[in-house]
C-alpha atoms as a PDB file:
ATOM      1  CA  MET A   1     122.704 196.238 -11.558  1.00  0.00           C
ATOM      2  CA  THR A   2     121.150 193.553 -13.736  1.00  0.00           C
ATOM      3  CA  LEU A   3     120.624 189.949 -12.744  1.00  0.00           C
ATOM      4  CA  ALA A   4     121.563 187.182 -15.122  1.00  0.00           C
ATOM      5  CA  THR A   5     118.821 184.752 -16.052  1.00  0.00           C
ATOM      6  CA  ARG A   6     119.471 181.080 -16.666  1.00  0.00           C
ATOM      7  CA  GLN A   7     118.561 180.050 -20.172  1.00  0.00           C
ATOM      8  CA  ASP A   8     120.074 176.567 -20.051  1.00  0.00           C
ATOM      9  CA  SER A   9     117.612 174.984 -17.598  1.00  0.00           C
ATOM     10  CA  PRO A  10     114.815 173.009 -19.262  1.00  0.00           C
ATOM     11  CA  ARG A  11     111.301 173.837 -18.238  1.00  0.00           C
ATOM     12  CA  ALA A  12     109.248 171.094 -16.695  1.00  0.00           C
ATOM     13  CA  VAL A  13     106.271 170.076 -18.769  1.00  0.00           C
ATOM     14  CA  ILE A  14     103.116 169.754 -16.742  1.00  0.00           C
ATOM     15  CA  SER A  15     100.773 167.042 -17.916  1.00  0.00           C
ATOM     16  CA  ARG A  16      97.667 165.413 -16.544  1.00  0.00           C
ATOM     17  CA  TRP A  17      97.918 161.986 -14.999  1.00  0.00           C
ATOM     18  CA  ASP A  18      96.130 159.436 -17.135  1.00  0.00           C
ATOM     19  CA  PRO A  19      95.728 156.057 -15.375  1.00  0.00           C
ATOM     20  CA  PHE A  20      94.654 154.401 -18.628  1.00  0.00           C
ATOM     21  CA  ARG A  21      97.923 155.448 -20.258  1.00  0.00           C
ATOM     22  CA  ASP A  22      99.771 153.610 -17.480  1.00  0.00           C
ATOM     23  CA  LEU A  23      97.647 150.504 -18.081  1.00  0.00           C
ATOM     24  CA  GLU A  24      98.280 150.687 -21.827  1.00  0.00           C
ATOM     25  CA  ASP A  25     102.011 151.017 -21.197  1.00  0.00           C
ATOM     26  CA  MET A  26     101.982 147.981 -18.904  1.00  0.00           C
ATOM     27  CA  TYR A  27      99.928 145.991 -21.449  1.00  0.00           C
ATOM     28  CA  GLU A  28     102.433 146.830 -24.200  1.00  0.00           C
ATOM     29  CA  ARG A  29     105.419 145.885 -22.032  1.00  0.00           C
ATOM     30  CA  VAL A  30     103.907 142.527 -21.049  1.00  0.00           C
ATOM     31  CA  GLY A  31     103.111 141.894 -24.725  1.00  0.00           C
ATOM     32  CA  GLN A  32     106.712 142.628 -25.671  1.00  0.00           C
ATOM     33  CA  LEU A  33     107.889 140.256 -22.941  1.00  0.00           C
ATOM     34  CA  MET A  34     105.647 137.466 -24.226  1.00  0.00           C
ATOM     35  CA  ASP A  35     106.688 138.114 -27.829  1.00  0.00           C
ATOM     36  CA  GLY A  36     110.324 137.902 -26.763  1.00  0.00           C
ATOM     37  CA  LEU A  37     109.750 134.501 -25.178  1.00  0.00           C
ATOM     38  CA  ALA A  38     108.192 133.095 -28.342  1.00  0.00           C
ATOM     39  CA  GLU A  39     111.003 134.096 -30.718  1.00  0.00           C
ATOM     40  CA  PRO A  40     112.175 131.324 -33.047  1.00  0.00           C
ATOM     41  CA  GLY A  41     115.285 129.595 -31.784  1.00  0.00           C
ATOM     42  CA  ARG A  42     114.708 130.667 -28.220  1.00  0.00           C
ATOM     43  CA  ALA A  43     113.908 127.963 -25.658  1.00  0.00           C
ATOM     44  CA  MET A  44     110.821 128.286 -23.509  1.00  0.00           C
ATOM     45  CA  PRO A  45     111.331 128.341 -19.726  1.00  0.00           C
ATOM     46  CA  ALA A  46     111.576 124.854 -18.230  1.00  0.00           C
ATOM     47  CA  PRO A  47     110.236 123.741 -14.842  1.00  0.00           C
ATOM     48  CA  LEU A  48     112.753 123.472 -12.014  1.00  0.00           C
ATOM     49  CA  ALA A  49     111.939 119.775 -11.552  1.00  0.00           C
ATOM     50  CA  ASP A  50     111.971 116.740 -13.807  1.00  0.00           C
ATOM     51  CA  LEU A  51     108.384 115.809 -14.651  1.00  0.00           C
ATOM     52  CA  GLU A  52     107.379 112.335 -15.682  1.00  0.00           C
ATOM     53  CA  GLU A  53     103.964 110.940 -16.575  1.00  0.00           C
ATOM     54  CA  THR A  54     103.072 107.464 -15.288  1.00  0.00           C
ATOM     55  CA  ASP A  55      99.965 105.277 -15.159  1.00  0.00           C
ATOM     56  CA  VAL A  56     100.064 105.023 -11.348  1.00  0.00           C
ATOM     57  CA  ARG A  57      96.905 106.223  -9.591  1.00  0.00           C
ATOM     58  CA  VAL A  58      96.775 107.189  -5.959  1.00  0.00           C
ATOM     59  CA  GLY A  59      93.470 107.042  -4.103  1.00  0.00           C
ATOM     60  CA  LYS A  60      92.471 109.381  -1.346  1.00  0.00           C
ATOM     61  CA  SER A  61      90.367 108.785   1.686  1.00  0.00           C
ATOM     62  CA  ASN A  62      87.750 111.292   2.814  1.00  0.00           C
ATOM     63  CA  ALA A  63      86.925 109.427   6.021  1.00  0.00           C
ATOM     64  CA  GLY A  64      86.357 111.827   8.883  1.00  0.00           C
ATOM     65  CA  ARG A  65      86.436 114.938   6.721  1.00  0.00           C
ATOM     66  CA  PRO A  66      83.343 117.070   6.234  1.00  0.00           C
ATOM     67  CA  ARG A  67      82.097 117.456   2.685  1.00  0.00           C
ATOM     68  CA  ARG A  68      81.323 121.130   3.198  1.00  0.00           C
ATOM     69  CA  ILE A  69      83.661 123.572   4.828  1.00  0.00           C
ATOM     70  CA  GLU A  70      82.200 126.744   6.243  1.00  0.00           C
ATOM     71  CA  ILE A  71      84.355 129.872   6.434  1.00  0.00           C
ATOM     72  CA  LYS A  72      83.304 132.451   8.981  1.00  0.00           C
ATOM     73  CA  ASP A  73      84.518 136.003   9.261  1.00  0.00           C
ATOM     74  CA  SER A  74      85.877 136.739  12.719  1.00  0.00           C
END
């Protein structure tokens, strides 16, 4: 009795993990994203609020606030 062998299944290719290849891939994808945003005729993303520049100045008071703030690890 002979057993049939499967010839149609692809063999898995074993490769070494290269973290720098992943970084290069991410760098290329982000570059493509930025290039896509700067295409001629395509609008740049707009803020979700209406912005307006005025000559009004608002002062702030530092009364009662320390000039130095110390952060301690607990």
